[in-house]
């Protein structure tokens, strides 16, 4: 079992969006929970088509939020309460669609809504992009990434390697260990 004092009782949000790499997020959530973090998973509707919320509930030991209409136990609206409580937030995988919506300031699902309520000067927000190499290279995607970096988001990856589309290239989500270490460094 990984032990890491940096994560002991630390509230971490893991946002999961709808990409095949969401299976890797299971390992990330498990590692964080084993290290003592208090992990809350937020999933877009499309993410639930790849990995079920029950899997993340079992791995995190906490309720998984899949809708902006669910209520967190607080006097604040769910997205505000969750974002205020978090010591760090990571979106893994962060799809091209999610990157575009964040860059445009859209907040219409549970993941982007919580991110919109996060104070990035207090709470580091890490994005782990995952997409096909052609999607990664799109000029619109590169503009969105530049906007998000300028807005204070931090990218982890993407890496180069084998992709679900049966090609190899840049766009592969970073491995859970690399994301875990980036989170640890962000809260140190």
N, C-alpha and C. Protein backbone atom coordinates (compact mmCIF):
# COMPACT_ATOMS: atom_id res chain seq x y z
N UNK A 1 0.84 -1.19 0.00
CA UNK A 1 0.00 0.00 0.00
C UNK A 1 0.88 1.24 0.00
N UNK A 2 0.67 2.18 -0.98
CA UNK A 2 1.48 3.38 -1.00
C UNK A 2 1.23 4.24 0.23
N UNK A 3 2.27 4.74 0.81
CA UNK A 3 2.10 5.68 1.91
C UNK A 3 2.76 6.98 1.49
N UNK A 4 2.09 8.05 1.75
CA UNK A 4 2.62 9.35 1.39
C UNK A 4 1.96 10.36 2.31
N UNK A 5 2.74 10.92 3.24
CA UNK A 5 2.19 11.85 4.22
C UNK A 5 1.50 13.04 3.57
N UNK A 6 1.94 13.41 2.37
CA UNK A 6 1.34 14.56 1.69
C UNK A 6 -0.15 14.35 1.43
N UNK A 7 -0.58 13.12 1.27
CA UNK A 7 -1.98 12.85 0.94
C UNK A 7 -2.85 12.52 2.15
N UNK A 8 -2.28 12.31 3.32
CA UNK A 8 -3.04 11.89 4.49
C UNK A 8 -4.20 12.83 4.75
N UNK A 9 -5.43 12.31 4.62
CA UNK A 9 -6.68 13.06 4.85
C UNK A 9 -6.84 14.29 3.96
N UNK A 10 -6.14 14.33 2.85
CA UNK A 10 -6.20 15.47 1.94
C UNK A 10 -7.34 15.30 0.95
N UNK A 11 -8.27 16.27 0.91
CA UNK A 11 -9.37 16.17 -0.05
C UNK A 11 -8.89 16.45 -1.48
N UNK A 12 -9.08 15.47 -2.34
CA UNK A 12 -8.68 15.56 -3.74
C UNK A 12 -9.90 15.26 -4.60
N UNK A 13 -10.13 16.07 -5.62
CA UNK A 13 -11.18 15.78 -6.60
C UNK A 13 -10.53 15.19 -7.83
N UNK A 14 -11.09 14.08 -8.31
CA UNK A 14 -10.68 13.50 -9.58
C UNK A 14 -11.88 13.61 -10.52
N UNK A 15 -11.74 14.43 -11.55
CA UNK A 15 -12.77 14.55 -12.58
C UNK A 15 -12.46 13.56 -13.69
N UNK A 16 -13.47 12.85 -14.13
CA UNK A 16 -13.29 11.85 -15.19
C UNK A 16 -14.23 12.21 -16.33
N UNK A 17 -13.65 12.42 -17.53
CA UNK A 17 -14.47 12.73 -18.70
C UNK A 17 -14.47 11.53 -19.64
N UNK A 18 -15.27 11.60 -20.69
CA UNK A 18 -15.58 10.45 -21.52
C UNK A 18 -14.56 10.05 -22.54
N UNK A 19 -13.49 9.45 -22.11
CA UNK A 19 -12.50 8.90 -23.02
C UNK A 19 -12.11 7.50 -22.59
N UNK A 20 -11.60 6.73 -23.53
CA UNK A 20 -11.21 5.35 -23.23
C UNK A 20 -10.17 5.31 -22.12
N UNK A 21 -9.35 6.34 -21.98
CA UNK A 21 -8.31 6.36 -20.94
C UNK A 21 -8.89 6.43 -19.53
N UNK A 22 -10.21 6.56 -19.40
CA UNK A 22 -10.80 6.62 -18.06
C UNK A 22 -10.50 5.36 -17.25
N UNK A 23 -10.20 4.25 -17.92
CA UNK A 23 -9.86 3.04 -17.16
C UNK A 23 -8.59 3.27 -16.33
N UNK A 24 -7.68 4.14 -16.82
CA UNK A 24 -6.46 4.44 -16.07
C UNK A 24 -6.78 5.23 -14.79
N UNK A 25 -7.87 5.96 -14.81
CA UNK A 25 -8.25 6.76 -13.65
C UNK A 25 -8.61 5.89 -12.46
N UNK A 26 -9.02 4.67 -12.73
CA UNK A 26 -9.29 3.73 -11.64
C UNK A 26 -8.02 3.49 -10.83
N UNK A 27 -6.91 3.30 -11.50
CA UNK A 27 -5.63 3.10 -10.82
C UNK A 27 -5.24 4.34 -10.04
N UNK A 28 -5.43 5.51 -10.64
CA UNK A 28 -5.10 6.76 -9.96
C UNK A 28 -5.92 6.92 -8.68
N UNK A 29 -7.22 6.72 -8.78
CA UNK A 29 -8.09 6.85 -7.60
C UNK A 29 -7.69 5.85 -6.52
N UNK A 30 -7.40 4.62 -6.91
CA UNK A 30 -6.98 3.60 -5.96
C UNK A 30 -5.68 4.00 -5.26
N UNK A 31 -4.71 4.47 -6.02
CA UNK A 31 -3.43 4.89 -5.44
C UNK A 31 -3.62 6.04 -4.45
N UNK A 32 -4.45 7.01 -4.83
CA UNK A 32 -4.69 8.14 -3.94
C UNK A 32 -5.36 7.69 -2.64
N UNK A 33 -6.36 6.83 -2.77
CA UNK A 33 -7.06 6.33 -1.58
C UNK A 33 -6.11 5.53 -0.69
N UNK A 34 -5.28 4.71 -1.29
CA UNK A 34 -4.32 3.93 -0.52
C UNK A 34 -3.29 4.81 0.18
N UNK A 35 -3.00 5.97 -0.40
CA UNK A 35 -2.05 6.91 0.20
C UNK A 35 -2.71 7.76 1.28
N UNK A 36 -4.01 7.56 1.52
CA UNK A 36 -4.69 8.27 2.59
C UNK A 36 -5.49 9.48 2.16
N UNK A 37 -5.54 9.76 0.86
CA UNK A 37 -6.31 10.92 0.39
C UNK A 37 -7.81 10.66 0.54
N UNK A 38 -8.54 11.74 0.72
CA UNK A 38 -10.00 11.70 0.75
C UNK A 38 -10.46 12.07 -0.66
N UNK A 39 -10.71 11.05 -1.50
CA UNK A 39 -10.93 11.25 -2.93
C UNK A 39 -12.43 11.35 -3.24
N UNK A 40 -12.79 12.41 -3.94
CA UNK A 40 -14.14 12.56 -4.47
C UNK A 40 -14.03 12.51 -5.99
N UNK A 41 -14.79 11.62 -6.61
CA UNK A 41 -14.78 11.48 -8.06
C UNK A 41 -16.02 12.15 -8.64
N UNK A 42 -15.78 12.96 -9.68
CA UNK A 42 -16.85 13.59 -10.46
C UNK A 42 -16.75 13.02 -11.86
N UNK A 43 -17.88 12.61 -12.43
CA UNK A 43 -17.87 12.00 -13.76
C UNK A 43 -18.88 12.69 -14.68
N UNK A 44 -18.45 12.93 -15.92
CA UNK A 44 -19.40 13.39 -16.91
C UNK A 44 -20.28 12.20 -17.31
N UNK A 45 -21.40 12.49 -17.93
CA UNK A 45 -22.30 11.41 -18.37
C UNK A 45 -21.58 10.48 -19.33
N UNK A 46 -20.79 11.04 -20.24
CA UNK A 46 -20.10 10.18 -21.20
C UNK A 46 -19.03 9.32 -20.52
N UNK A 47 -18.45 9.79 -19.45
CA UNK A 47 -17.45 8.98 -18.72
C UNK A 47 -18.08 7.72 -18.16
N UNK A 48 -19.35 7.80 -17.77
CA UNK A 48 -20.02 6.64 -17.18
C UNK A 48 -20.24 5.53 -18.21
N UNK A 49 -20.05 5.81 -19.48
CA UNK A 49 -20.17 4.79 -20.52
C UNK A 49 -18.90 3.94 -20.62
N UNK A 50 -17.80 4.45 -20.04
CA UNK A 50 -16.53 3.73 -20.07
C UNK A 50 -16.26 2.98 -18.77
N UNK A 51 -16.50 3.64 -17.63
CA UNK A 51 -16.32 3.04 -16.31
C UNK A 51 -17.51 3.47 -15.46
N UNK A 52 -18.10 2.53 -14.75
CA UNK A 52 -19.27 2.85 -13.95
C UNK A 52 -18.93 3.56 -12.65
N UNK A 53 -19.84 4.41 -12.17
CA UNK A 53 -19.63 5.10 -10.91
C UNK A 53 -19.39 4.15 -9.73
N UNK A 54 -20.01 2.99 -9.76
CA UNK A 54 -19.84 2.04 -8.66
C UNK A 54 -18.37 1.63 -8.52
N UNK A 55 -17.67 1.52 -9.63
CA UNK A 55 -16.23 1.19 -9.57
C UNK A 55 -15.48 2.26 -8.80
N UNK A 56 -15.73 3.52 -9.12
CA UNK A 56 -15.03 4.60 -8.43
C UNK A 56 -15.48 4.74 -6.98
N UNK A 57 -16.75 4.43 -6.69
CA UNK A 57 -17.20 4.44 -5.29
C UNK A 57 -16.44 3.40 -4.49
N UNK A 58 -16.27 2.21 -5.05
CA UNK A 58 -15.54 1.15 -4.35
C UNK A 58 -14.07 1.54 -4.14
N UNK A 59 -13.46 2.14 -5.15
CA UNK A 59 -12.04 2.49 -5.06
C UNK A 59 -11.79 3.68 -4.14
N UNK A 60 -12.70 4.66 -4.15
CA UNK A 60 -12.50 5.88 -3.35
C UNK A 60 -13.08 5.77 -1.96
N UNK A 61 -14.10 4.93 -1.80
CA UNK A 61 -14.80 4.86 -0.53
C UNK A 61 -15.76 6.01 -0.32
N UNK A 62 -16.01 6.78 -1.38
CA UNK A 62 -16.89 7.95 -1.30
C UNK A 62 -17.93 7.93 -2.41
N UNK A 63 -18.98 8.73 -2.21
CA UNK A 63 -20.00 8.90 -3.23
C UNK A 63 -19.38 9.50 -4.49
N UNK A 64 -19.85 9.08 -5.64
CA UNK A 64 -19.40 9.62 -6.93
C UNK A 64 -20.50 10.51 -7.47
N UNK A 65 -20.14 11.72 -7.89
CA UNK A 65 -21.10 12.67 -8.44
C UNK A 65 -21.09 12.59 -9.96
N UNK A 66 -22.27 12.41 -10.54
CA UNK A 66 -22.40 12.30 -11.99
C UNK A 66 -23.33 13.36 -12.57
N UNK A 67 -23.88 14.19 -11.73
CA UNK A 67 -24.84 15.19 -12.19
C UNK A 67 -24.69 16.48 -11.39
N UNK A 68 -24.85 17.61 -12.05
CA UNK A 68 -24.83 18.88 -11.31
C UNK A 68 -26.01 19.01 -10.36
N UNK A 69 -26.99 18.14 -10.50
CA UNK A 69 -28.21 18.24 -9.70
C UNK A 69 -28.14 17.45 -8.41
N UNK A 70 -27.07 16.68 -8.19
CA UNK A 70 -26.89 16.00 -6.92
C UNK A 70 -26.44 17.02 -5.89
N UNK A 71 -26.71 16.73 -4.63
CA UNK A 71 -26.39 17.70 -3.59
C UNK A 71 -25.29 17.17 -2.67
N UNK A 72 -24.26 17.97 -2.50
CA UNK A 72 -23.20 17.66 -1.53
C UNK A 72 -23.71 18.06 -0.15
N UNK A 73 -23.30 17.34 0.90
CA UNK A 73 -23.74 17.69 2.25
C UNK A 73 -23.10 19.01 2.70
N UNK A 74 -23.77 20.11 2.39
CA UNK A 74 -23.25 21.44 2.71
C UNK A 74 -24.36 22.46 2.51
N UNK A 75 -24.13 23.64 3.02
CA UNK A 75 -25.07 24.73 2.78
C UNK A 75 -24.80 25.40 1.44
N UNK A 76 -23.62 25.17 0.89
CA UNK A 76 -23.25 25.72 -0.41
C UNK A 76 -23.78 24.83 -1.51
N UNK A 77 -23.98 25.38 -2.70
CA UNK A 77 -24.29 24.52 -3.84
C UNK A 77 -23.17 23.49 -4.00
N UNK A 78 -23.52 22.32 -4.51
CA UNK A 78 -22.58 21.20 -4.63
C UNK A 78 -21.24 21.59 -5.22
N UNK A 79 -21.26 22.25 -6.37
CA UNK A 79 -20.00 22.55 -7.04
C UNK A 79 -19.12 23.49 -6.23
N UNK A 80 -19.72 24.42 -5.52
CA UNK A 80 -18.96 25.36 -4.69
C UNK A 80 -18.38 24.63 -3.49
N UNK A 81 -19.20 23.83 -2.81
CA UNK A 81 -18.74 23.11 -1.62
C UNK A 81 -17.61 22.15 -1.96
N UNK A 82 -17.75 21.41 -3.04
CA UNK A 82 -16.72 20.45 -3.43
C UNK A 82 -15.42 21.16 -3.80
N UNK A 83 -15.51 22.24 -4.57
CA UNK A 83 -14.32 22.97 -5.00
C UNK A 83 -13.63 23.65 -3.82
N UNK A 84 -14.39 24.21 -2.90
CA UNK A 84 -13.79 24.88 -1.73
C UNK A 84 -13.06 23.89 -0.84
N UNK A 85 -13.59 22.70 -0.73
CA UNK A 85 -13.03 21.69 0.15
C UNK A 85 -11.75 21.07 -0.42
N UNK A 86 -11.65 21.01 -1.73
CA UNK A 86 -10.53 20.30 -2.38
C UNK A 86 -9.20 21.01 -2.16
N UNK A 87 -8.19 20.21 -1.91
CA UNK A 87 -6.81 20.72 -1.80
C UNK A 87 -6.15 20.74 -3.18
N UNK A 88 -6.64 19.85 -4.07
CA UNK A 88 -6.18 19.80 -5.47
C UNK A 88 -7.26 19.11 -6.29
N UNK A 89 -7.27 19.44 -7.58
CA UNK A 89 -8.23 18.84 -8.52
C UNK A 89 -7.44 18.36 -9.73
N UNK A 90 -7.80 17.18 -10.22
CA UNK A 90 -7.22 16.67 -11.46
C UNK A 90 -8.34 16.15 -12.34
N UNK A 91 -8.26 16.43 -13.62
CA UNK A 91 -9.20 15.86 -14.59
C UNK A 91 -8.39 14.88 -15.43
N UNK A 92 -8.76 13.59 -15.30
CA UNK A 92 -8.02 12.52 -15.98
C UNK A 92 -8.99 11.40 -16.34
N UNK A 93 -9.26 11.17 -17.58
CA UNK A 93 -8.74 11.88 -18.73
C UNK A 93 -9.48 13.21 -18.94
N UNK A 94 -8.78 14.13 -19.57
CA UNK A 94 -9.37 15.40 -19.96
C UNK A 94 -9.44 15.39 -21.49
N UNK A 95 -10.63 15.22 -22.00
CA UNK A 95 -10.83 15.09 -23.44
C UNK A 95 -10.73 16.43 -24.15
N UNK A 96 -10.61 16.37 -25.47
CA UNK A 96 -10.60 17.59 -26.29
C UNK A 96 -11.88 18.39 -26.04
N UNK A 97 -12.99 17.70 -25.90
CA UNK A 97 -14.28 18.33 -25.64
C UNK A 97 -14.24 19.11 -24.31
N UNK A 98 -13.70 18.48 -23.28
CA UNK A 98 -13.62 19.14 -21.98
C UNK A 98 -12.68 20.35 -22.04
N UNK A 99 -11.53 20.20 -22.70
CA UNK A 99 -10.62 21.32 -22.86
C UNK A 99 -11.30 22.50 -23.53
N UNK A 100 -12.06 22.23 -24.59
CA UNK A 100 -12.75 23.29 -25.33
C UNK A 100 -13.80 23.98 -24.45
N UNK A 101 -14.54 23.20 -23.71
CA UNK A 101 -15.58 23.78 -22.86
C UNK A 101 -14.97 24.63 -21.74
N UNK A 102 -13.87 24.14 -21.16
CA UNK A 102 -13.20 24.94 -20.12
C UNK A 102 -12.65 26.24 -20.70
N UNK A 103 -12.03 26.16 -21.87
CA UNK A 103 -11.46 27.36 -22.49
C UNK A 103 -12.54 28.38 -22.83
N UNK A 104 -13.73 27.89 -23.15
CA UNK A 104 -14.84 28.79 -23.49
C UNK A 104 -15.62 29.25 -22.26
N UNK A 105 -15.25 28.74 -21.08
CA UNK A 105 -15.94 29.14 -19.86
C UNK A 105 -17.27 28.44 -19.65
N UNK A 106 -17.47 27.31 -20.29
CA UNK A 106 -18.73 26.56 -20.15
C UNK A 106 -18.66 25.70 -18.89
N UNK A 107 -19.79 25.61 -18.20
CA UNK A 107 -19.85 24.85 -16.95
C UNK A 107 -21.20 24.16 -16.86
N UNK A 108 -21.40 23.15 -17.71
CA UNK A 108 -22.72 22.54 -17.78
C UNK A 108 -22.75 21.06 -17.41
N UNK A 109 -21.66 20.55 -16.84
CA UNK A 109 -21.68 19.20 -16.29
C UNK A 109 -20.99 19.27 -14.94
N UNK A 110 -21.03 18.19 -14.19
CA UNK A 110 -20.51 18.23 -12.82
C UNK A 110 -19.00 18.52 -12.78
N UNK A 111 -18.24 18.08 -13.76
CA UNK A 111 -16.79 18.32 -13.76
C UNK A 111 -16.49 19.79 -14.04
N UNK A 112 -16.99 20.33 -15.14
CA UNK A 112 -16.69 21.73 -15.48
C UNK A 112 -17.33 22.70 -14.48
N UNK A 113 -18.45 22.33 -13.91
CA UNK A 113 -19.09 23.18 -12.91
C UNK A 113 -18.21 23.31 -11.67
N UNK A 114 -17.66 22.20 -11.18
CA UNK A 114 -16.77 22.26 -10.02
C UNK A 114 -15.50 23.04 -10.36
N UNK A 115 -14.97 22.83 -11.56
CA UNK A 115 -13.77 23.57 -11.95
C UNK A 115 -14.03 25.07 -12.02
N UNK A 116 -15.24 25.45 -12.42
CA UNK A 116 -15.57 26.87 -12.51
C UNK A 116 -15.61 27.52 -11.13
N UNK A 117 -15.83 26.72 -10.09
CA UNK A 117 -15.91 27.25 -8.72
C UNK A 117 -14.57 27.17 -7.99
N UNK A 118 -13.56 26.56 -8.61
CA UNK A 118 -12.26 26.42 -7.96
C UNK A 118 -11.45 27.71 -8.07
N UNK A 119 -10.85 28.11 -6.98
CA UNK A 119 -9.95 29.26 -6.96
C UNK A 119 -8.55 28.72 -7.26
N UNK A 120 -8.11 28.85 -8.52
CA UNK A 120 -6.84 28.25 -8.94
C UNK A 120 -5.64 28.89 -8.25
N UNK A 121 -5.82 30.03 -7.58
CA UNK A 121 -4.71 30.61 -6.81
C UNK A 121 -4.54 29.87 -5.48
N UNK A 122 -5.57 29.16 -5.06
CA UNK A 122 -5.54 28.40 -3.81
C UNK A 122 -5.52 26.89 -4.03
N UNK A 123 -6.18 26.46 -5.09
CA UNK A 123 -6.35 25.03 -5.36
C UNK A 123 -5.77 24.71 -6.73
N UNK A 124 -4.67 23.98 -6.79
CA UNK A 124 -4.13 23.62 -8.10
C UNK A 124 -5.10 22.73 -8.88
N UNK A 125 -5.25 23.04 -10.17
CA UNK A 125 -6.10 22.25 -11.05
C UNK A 125 -5.22 21.70 -12.17
N UNK A 126 -5.12 20.38 -12.21
CA UNK A 126 -4.28 19.69 -13.19
C UNK A 126 -5.16 19.01 -14.22
N UNK A 127 -4.78 19.09 -15.46
CA UNK A 127 -5.51 18.47 -16.56
C UNK A 127 -4.60 17.45 -17.23
N UNK A 128 -5.10 16.22 -17.39
CA UNK A 128 -4.34 15.16 -18.05
C UNK A 128 -5.02 14.85 -19.38
N UNK A 129 -4.63 15.56 -20.44
CA UNK A 129 -5.28 15.37 -21.74
C UNK A 129 -5.14 13.93 -22.25
N UNK A 130 -6.17 13.52 -22.98
CA UNK A 130 -6.18 12.19 -23.60
C UNK A 130 -7.02 12.26 -24.86
N UNK A 131 -6.36 11.99 -25.99
CA UNK A 131 -7.06 12.02 -27.27
C UNK A 131 -6.15 11.47 -28.35
N UNK A 132 -6.69 11.28 -29.52
CA UNK A 132 -5.95 10.85 -30.69
C UNK A 132 -4.93 11.92 -31.07
N UNK A 133 -3.81 11.50 -31.67
CA UNK A 133 -2.75 12.44 -32.04
C UNK A 133 -3.25 13.53 -32.99
N UNK A 134 -4.14 13.18 -33.91
CA UNK A 134 -4.68 14.19 -34.83
C UNK A 134 -5.52 15.21 -34.09
N UNK A 135 -6.29 14.76 -33.11
CA UNK A 135 -7.10 15.67 -32.30
C UNK A 135 -6.18 16.59 -31.49
N UNK A 136 -5.13 16.01 -30.90
CA UNK A 136 -4.19 16.80 -30.11
C UNK A 136 -3.59 17.93 -30.94
N UNK A 137 -3.26 17.65 -32.20
CA UNK A 137 -2.57 18.61 -33.06
C UNK A 137 -3.49 19.67 -33.65
N UNK A 138 -4.80 19.52 -33.54
CA UNK A 138 -5.72 20.49 -34.13
C UNK A 138 -5.42 21.91 -33.64
N UNK A 139 -5.38 22.88 -34.53
CA UNK A 139 -5.13 24.27 -34.11
C UNK A 139 -6.10 24.75 -33.04
N UNK A 140 -7.36 24.38 -33.15
CA UNK A 140 -8.33 24.81 -32.13
C UNK A 140 -7.98 24.23 -30.77
N UNK A 141 -7.53 22.99 -30.74
CA UNK A 141 -7.14 22.37 -29.47
C UNK A 141 -5.91 23.06 -28.89
N UNK A 142 -4.93 23.38 -29.74
CA UNK A 142 -3.74 24.06 -29.27
C UNK A 142 -4.06 25.46 -28.75
N UNK A 143 -5.02 26.15 -29.40
CA UNK A 143 -5.45 27.47 -28.89
C UNK A 143 -6.11 27.32 -27.52
N UNK A 144 -6.95 26.29 -27.37
CA UNK A 144 -7.63 26.07 -26.09
C UNK A 144 -6.62 25.77 -24.99
N UNK A 145 -5.61 24.97 -25.31
CA UNK A 145 -4.58 24.64 -24.33
C UNK A 145 -3.83 25.89 -23.91
N UNK A 146 -3.47 26.74 -24.87
CA UNK A 146 -2.77 27.99 -24.55
C UNK A 146 -3.64 28.87 -23.64
N UNK A 147 -4.92 28.94 -23.94
CA UNK A 147 -5.85 29.72 -23.11
C UNK A 147 -5.89 29.16 -21.70
N UNK A 148 -6.03 27.85 -21.57
CA UNK A 148 -6.14 27.23 -20.25
C UNK A 148 -4.85 27.40 -19.44
N UNK A 149 -3.71 27.24 -20.08
CA UNK A 149 -2.44 27.46 -19.38
C UNK A 149 -2.33 28.91 -18.92
N UNK A 150 -2.77 29.83 -19.76
CA UNK A 150 -2.79 31.24 -19.38
C UNK A 150 -3.75 31.53 -18.24
N UNK A 151 -4.79 30.71 -18.12
CA UNK A 151 -5.77 30.86 -17.04
C UNK A 151 -5.34 30.18 -15.75
N UNK A 152 -4.18 29.53 -15.76
CA UNK A 152 -3.67 28.93 -14.52
C UNK A 152 -3.87 27.44 -14.37
N UNK A 153 -4.38 26.78 -15.40
CA UNK A 153 -4.47 25.32 -15.35
C UNK A 153 -3.08 24.75 -15.64
N UNK A 154 -2.81 23.56 -15.10
CA UNK A 154 -1.53 22.91 -15.34
C UNK A 154 -1.78 21.60 -16.09
N UNK A 155 -1.04 21.39 -17.17
CA UNK A 155 -1.18 20.15 -17.94
C UNK A 155 -0.17 19.10 -17.48
N UNK A 156 -0.63 17.87 -17.43
CA UNK A 156 0.23 16.70 -17.20
C UNK A 156 0.14 15.90 -18.49
N UNK A 157 1.21 15.91 -19.26
CA UNK A 157 1.19 15.23 -20.55
C UNK A 157 0.57 16.11 -21.60
N UNK A 158 0.12 15.50 -22.68
CA UNK A 158 -0.01 14.06 -22.89
C UNK A 158 1.32 13.42 -23.29
N UNK A 159 1.32 12.11 -23.25
CA UNK A 159 2.49 11.33 -23.64
C UNK A 159 2.35 10.86 -25.08
N UNK A 160 3.44 10.35 -25.60
CA UNK A 160 3.41 9.69 -26.91
C UNK A 160 3.29 8.20 -26.69
N UNK A 161 2.60 7.53 -27.59
CA UNK A 161 2.49 6.08 -27.48
C UNK A 161 1.28 5.55 -28.20
N UNK A 162 1.03 4.28 -27.97
CA UNK A 162 -0.07 3.55 -28.58
C UNK A 162 -1.40 4.14 -28.13
N UNK A 163 -2.30 4.31 -29.09
CA UNK A 163 -3.61 4.89 -28.80
C UNK A 163 -4.71 3.92 -29.21
N UNK A 164 -5.88 4.11 -28.66
CA UNK A 164 -7.00 3.22 -28.92
C UNK A 164 -7.37 3.15 -30.40
N UNK A 165 -7.00 4.16 -31.17
CA UNK A 165 -7.32 4.19 -32.60
C UNK A 165 -6.35 3.34 -33.43
N UNK A 166 -5.50 2.59 -32.73
CA UNK A 166 -4.54 1.67 -33.38
C UNK A 166 -3.40 2.40 -34.09
N UNK A 167 -3.07 3.58 -33.59
CA UNK A 167 -1.92 4.32 -34.09
C UNK A 167 -1.08 4.73 -32.89
N UNK A 168 0.07 5.29 -33.18
CA UNK A 168 0.94 5.77 -32.12
C UNK A 168 1.21 7.24 -32.35
N UNK A 169 1.26 8.00 -31.28
CA UNK A 169 1.51 9.43 -31.41
C UNK A 169 1.26 10.15 -30.11
N UNK A 170 1.37 11.47 -30.14
CA UNK A 170 1.15 12.30 -28.96
C UNK A 170 -0.35 12.45 -28.74
N UNK A 171 -0.75 12.33 -27.49
CA UNK A 171 -2.16 12.46 -27.13
C UNK A 171 -2.57 11.46 -26.07
N UNK A 172 -1.73 10.47 -25.85
CA UNK A 172 -2.01 9.42 -24.87
C UNK A 172 -1.96 10.01 -23.46
N UNK A 173 -2.94 9.67 -22.63
CA UNK A 173 -2.97 10.17 -21.26
C UNK A 173 -1.74 9.67 -20.51
N UNK A 174 -1.16 10.55 -19.70
CA UNK A 174 -0.04 10.16 -18.86
C UNK A 174 -0.45 9.01 -17.95
N UNK A 175 0.53 8.24 -17.54
CA UNK A 175 0.26 7.09 -16.68
C UNK A 175 -0.15 7.55 -15.28
N UNK A 176 -0.95 6.73 -14.59
CA UNK A 176 -1.42 7.09 -13.25
C UNK A 176 -0.29 7.46 -12.28
N UNK A 177 0.84 6.78 -12.34
CA UNK A 177 1.95 7.12 -11.43
C UNK A 177 2.46 8.53 -11.67
N UNK A 178 2.54 8.95 -12.92
CA UNK A 178 3.00 10.31 -13.23
C UNK A 178 1.99 11.34 -12.74
N UNK A 179 0.71 11.05 -12.89
CA UNK A 179 -0.33 11.97 -12.42
C UNK A 179 -0.31 12.04 -10.90
N UNK A 180 -0.17 10.89 -10.25
CA UNK A 180 -0.06 10.82 -8.79
C UNK A 180 1.08 11.71 -8.30
N UNK A 181 2.25 11.59 -8.93
CA UNK A 181 3.41 12.38 -8.52
C UNK A 181 3.19 13.87 -8.76
N UNK A 182 2.55 14.22 -9.88
CA UNK A 182 2.26 15.63 -10.16
C UNK A 182 1.30 16.20 -9.11
N UNK A 183 0.33 15.40 -8.71
CA UNK A 183 -0.59 15.84 -7.64
C UNK A 183 0.16 16.02 -6.32
N UNK A 184 1.01 15.05 -6.00
CA UNK A 184 1.79 15.14 -4.76
C UNK A 184 2.63 16.42 -4.75
N UNK A 185 3.29 16.71 -5.86
CA UNK A 185 4.10 17.92 -5.94
C UNK A 185 3.25 19.18 -5.83
N UNK A 186 2.03 19.14 -6.35
CA UNK A 186 1.18 20.34 -6.34
C UNK A 186 0.67 20.69 -4.95
N UNK A 187 0.63 19.70 -4.05
CA UNK A 187 0.13 19.98 -2.70
C UNK A 187 1.25 20.05 -1.66
N UNK A 188 2.46 19.82 -2.10
CA UNK A 188 3.61 19.83 -1.16
C UNK A 188 3.89 21.22 -0.64
